[in-house]
Protein backbone atom coordinates (compact mmCIF):
# COMPACT_ATOMS: atom_id res chain seq x y z
CA UNK A 1 0.00 0.00 0.00
CA UNK A 2 1.23 3.45 -0.90
CA UNK A 3 0.41 6.61 1.08
CA UNK A 4 1.09 9.94 -0.57
CA UNK A 5 -0.08 13.54 -0.54
CA UNK A 6 -3.28 13.96 -2.52
CA UNK A 7 -3.35 16.36 -5.45
CA UNK A 8 -6.02 17.91 -7.67
CA UNK A 9 -5.63 14.85 -9.93
CA UNK A 10 -7.15 12.77 -7.10
CA UNK A 11 -10.41 14.73 -6.90
CA UNK A 12 -12.55 12.06 -8.62
CA UNK A 13 -11.31 9.43 -6.15
CA UNK A 14 -11.78 11.78 -3.18
CA UNK A 15 -15.36 12.56 -4.25
CA UNK A 16 -16.17 8.84 -4.60
CA UNK A 17 -14.67 8.04 -1.19
CA UNK A 18 -16.37 11.03 0.42
CA UNK A 19 -19.74 9.64 -0.71
CA UNK A 20 -19.20 6.70 1.69
CA UNK A 21 -18.60 9.09 4.58
CA UNK A 22 -21.64 11.21 3.70
CA UNK A 23 -23.87 8.13 3.51
CA UNK A 24 -22.82 6.90 6.98
CA UNK A 25 -23.49 10.31 8.53
CA UNK A 26 -26.75 10.96 6.67
CA UNK A 27 -28.14 7.57 7.70
CA UNK A 28 -27.33 8.14 11.38
CA UNK A 29 -28.02 11.89 11.56
CA UNK A 30 -30.50 12.84 8.81
CA UNK A 31 -31.30 16.17 10.47
CA UNK A 32 -27.64 17.19 10.17
CA UNK A 33 -26.48 15.58 6.91
CA UNK A 34 -28.03 15.44 3.45
CA UNK A 35 -28.76 11.95 2.13
CA UNK A 36 -27.12 12.69 -1.18
CA UNK A 37 -24.77 15.42 -2.21
CA UNK A 38 -24.18 16.77 -5.68
CA UNK A 39 -20.89 15.38 -7.05
CA UNK A 40 -19.84 18.59 -8.87
CA UNK A 41 -20.60 20.61 -5.72
CA UNK A 42 -18.64 18.12 -3.59
CA UNK A 43 -15.76 18.22 -6.08
CA UNK A 44 -15.64 22.04 -5.91
CA UNK A 45 -15.73 22.02 -2.09
CA UNK A 46 -13.00 19.38 -1.84
CA UNK A 47 -10.87 21.20 -4.44
CA UNK A 48 -11.13 24.36 -2.35
CA UNK A 49 -10.17 22.46 0.80
CA UNK A 50 -7.32 20.73 -1.02
CA UNK A 51 -5.73 24.08 -1.80
CA UNK A 52 -5.70 25.32 1.80
CA UNK A 53 -2.12 25.75 3.11
CA UNK A 54 -2.80 24.66 6.71
CA UNK A 55 -4.20 21.25 5.74
CA UNK A 56 -2.88 17.91 4.60
CA UNK A 57 -4.67 15.41 2.40
CA UNK A 58 -3.24 11.91 2.29
CA UNK A 59 -4.45 9.27 -0.11
CA UNK A 60 -3.96 5.50 0.18
CA UNK A 61 -3.51 3.42 -2.97
CA UNK A 62 -3.57 -0.36 -3.25
CA UNK A 63 -3.00 0.04 -6.24
CA UNK A 64 -6.11 2.22 -6.81
CA UNK A 65 -7.23 4.90 -4.32
CA UNK A 66 -8.84 3.11 -1.38
CA UNK A 67 -8.86 5.70 1.39
CA UNK A 68 -8.00 9.22 2.37
CA UNK A 69 -7.28 11.33 5.42
CA UNK A 70 -7.93 15.06 5.69
CA UNK A 71 -6.37 16.98 8.60
CA UNK A 72 -5.80 20.57 9.64
CA UNK A 73 -2.88 22.08 11.54
CA UNK A 74 -3.71 24.65 14.18
CA UNK A 75 -1.51 26.83 16.34
CA UNK A 76 -2.92 27.90 19.71
CA UNK A 77 -1.26 31.02 21.03
CA UNK A 78 -0.66 31.34 24.75
CA UNK A 79 -3.51 32.95 26.66
CA UNK A 80 -4.07 33.83 30.28
CA UNK A 81 -5.34 30.28 30.90
CA UNK A 82 -3.67 28.08 28.30
CA UNK A 83 -0.12 27.45 27.13
CA UNK A 84 0.94 27.80 23.52
CA UNK A 85 0.75 24.60 21.47
CA UNK A 86 0.43 23.24 17.96
CA UNK A 87 -2.08 20.49 17.20
CA UNK A 88 -3.18 18.47 14.18
CA UNK A 89 -6.91 17.81 13.91
CA UNK A 90 -8.17 14.98 11.72
CA UNK A 91 -11.44 15.90 10.03
CA UNK A 92 -11.95 12.84 7.78
CA UNK A 93 -10.61 9.32 7.66
CA UNK A 94 -12.37 7.41 4.91
CA UNK A 95 -11.67 3.85 3.79
CA UNK A 96 -13.42 2.07 0.94
CA UNK A 97 -15.89 -0.27 2.70
CA UNK A 98 -14.53 -3.25 0.74
CA UNK A 99 -11.06 -2.69 2.23
CA UNK A 100 -11.84 -1.94 5.86
CA UNK A 101 -9.86 -3.75 8.57
CA UNK A 102 -6.92 -4.21 6.21
CA UNK A 103 -4.62 -1.53 7.61
CA UNK A 104 -5.60 1.39 5.38
CA UNK A 105 -6.57 3.73 8.26
CA UNK A 106 -3.49 2.67 10.22
CA UNK A 107 -1.23 3.48 7.27
CA UNK A 108 -2.88 6.88 6.80
CA UNK A 109 -2.62 7.80 10.51
CA UNK A 110 0.99 6.57 10.69
CA UNK A 111 1.92 8.79 7.73
CA UNK A 112 0.10 11.74 9.29
CA UNK A 113 1.91 11.18 12.60
CA UNK A 114 5.26 11.61 10.85
CA UNK A 115 4.09 14.84 9.22
CA UNK A 116 2.61 16.15 12.49
CA UNK A 117 5.92 15.55 14.29
CA UNK A 118 7.80 17.44 11.56
CA UNK A 119 5.26 20.28 11.89
CA UNK A 120 5.89 20.49 15.65
CA UNK A 121 2.49 19.21 16.73
CA UNK A 122 2.24 17.92 20.26
CA UNK A 123 -0.73 15.73 19.48
CA UNK A 124 -3.25 14.65 16.89
CA UNK A 125 -6.93 15.07 17.76
CA UNK A 126 -10.15 14.01 16.10
CA UNK A 127 -13.87 14.06 16.69
CA UNK A 128 -15.94 10.93 16.26
CA UNK A 129 -19.73 10.82 16.21
CA UNK A 130 -21.23 8.93 19.14
CA UNK A 131 -23.22 6.66 16.78
CA UNK A 132 -20.08 5.51 14.93
CA UNK A 133 -18.97 2.56 17.04
CA UNK A 134 -16.90 1.13 14.19
CA UNK A 135 -14.83 4.31 13.95
CA UNK A 136 -14.48 4.51 17.74
CA UNK A 137 -13.08 0.97 17.86
CA UNK A 138 -10.73 1.66 14.95
CA UNK A 139 -9.40 4.87 16.49
CA UNK A 140 -8.94 3.20 19.86
CA UNK A 141 -6.93 0.43 18.19
CA UNK A 142 -4.81 3.15 16.58
CA UNK A 143 -3.96 4.57 20.03
CA UNK A 144 -6.45 7.44 20.32
CA UNK A 145 -7.98 8.03 23.75
CA UNK A 146 -10.95 10.13 24.84
CA UNK A 147 -9.89 13.42 26.40
CA UNK A 148 -12.95 15.59 25.76
CA UNK A 149 -16.60 14.95 24.99
CA UNK A 150 -19.00 17.24 23.17
CA UNK A 151 -22.65 17.29 24.23
CA UNK A 152 -25.75 18.71 22.60
CA UNK A 153 -28.96 20.22 23.93
CA UNK A 154 -31.90 20.49 21.58
CA UNK A 155 -33.88 23.71 21.64
CA UNK A 156 -37.59 24.22 21.14
CA UNK A 157 -36.77 24.62 17.44
CA UNK A 158 -35.34 21.11 17.22
CA UNK A 159 -36.43 19.32 14.09
CA UNK A 160 -36.99 22.52 12.19
CA UNK A 161 -34.03 23.37 10.01
CA UNK A 162 -35.56 26.66 9.01
CA UNK A 163 -36.78 28.11 12.27
CA UNK A 164 -37.41 31.85 12.11
CA UNK A 165 -34.40 33.85 13.24
CA UNK A 166 -34.70 36.17 16.22
CA UNK A 167 -33.85 39.84 15.80
CA UNK A 168 -31.00 39.76 18.29
CA UNK A 169 -29.70 37.69 21.13
CA UNK A 170 -29.92 40.62 23.53
CA UNK A 171 -33.62 41.18 22.94
CA UNK A 172 -34.44 37.49 23.43
CA UNK A 173 -32.21 37.16 26.50
CA UNK A 174 -34.33 39.69 28.40
CA UNK A 175 -37.55 37.70 27.93
């Protein structure tokens, strides 16, 4: 298996692999993710993301593209309460469903780890949806541990994507 930096020439493969990710999320969270996404629109969005200097796109080939990893590098300046640090945040790890559990994700994360060290990152972080037990198990096997959990509280507007907007927070806070 070969891991390399993705380029604009890989956009068709990235769009096809992204469709797997979108399907998983749309099935589990239909209120948050569209069931299907327009391929040209996805291609344009991924092309834009691919050209961002603070990100890395890795693609796995065996011999054809079979997975990708998309991560962002972030520098946190020192504040009154936090030290300065540099972190790498994985946004996507996608493996062709036919090739899961064959080391593709491990190879991608291993390659990213080398890059993150060179970039001076102290750690690699990622978010994983609570419904995605398969991803949680995979990331745990890769050495990731839980250090923070995000929670959600639904408002009275839950279920309505197009709830009317309030005029301002300040006027609603007084009520």
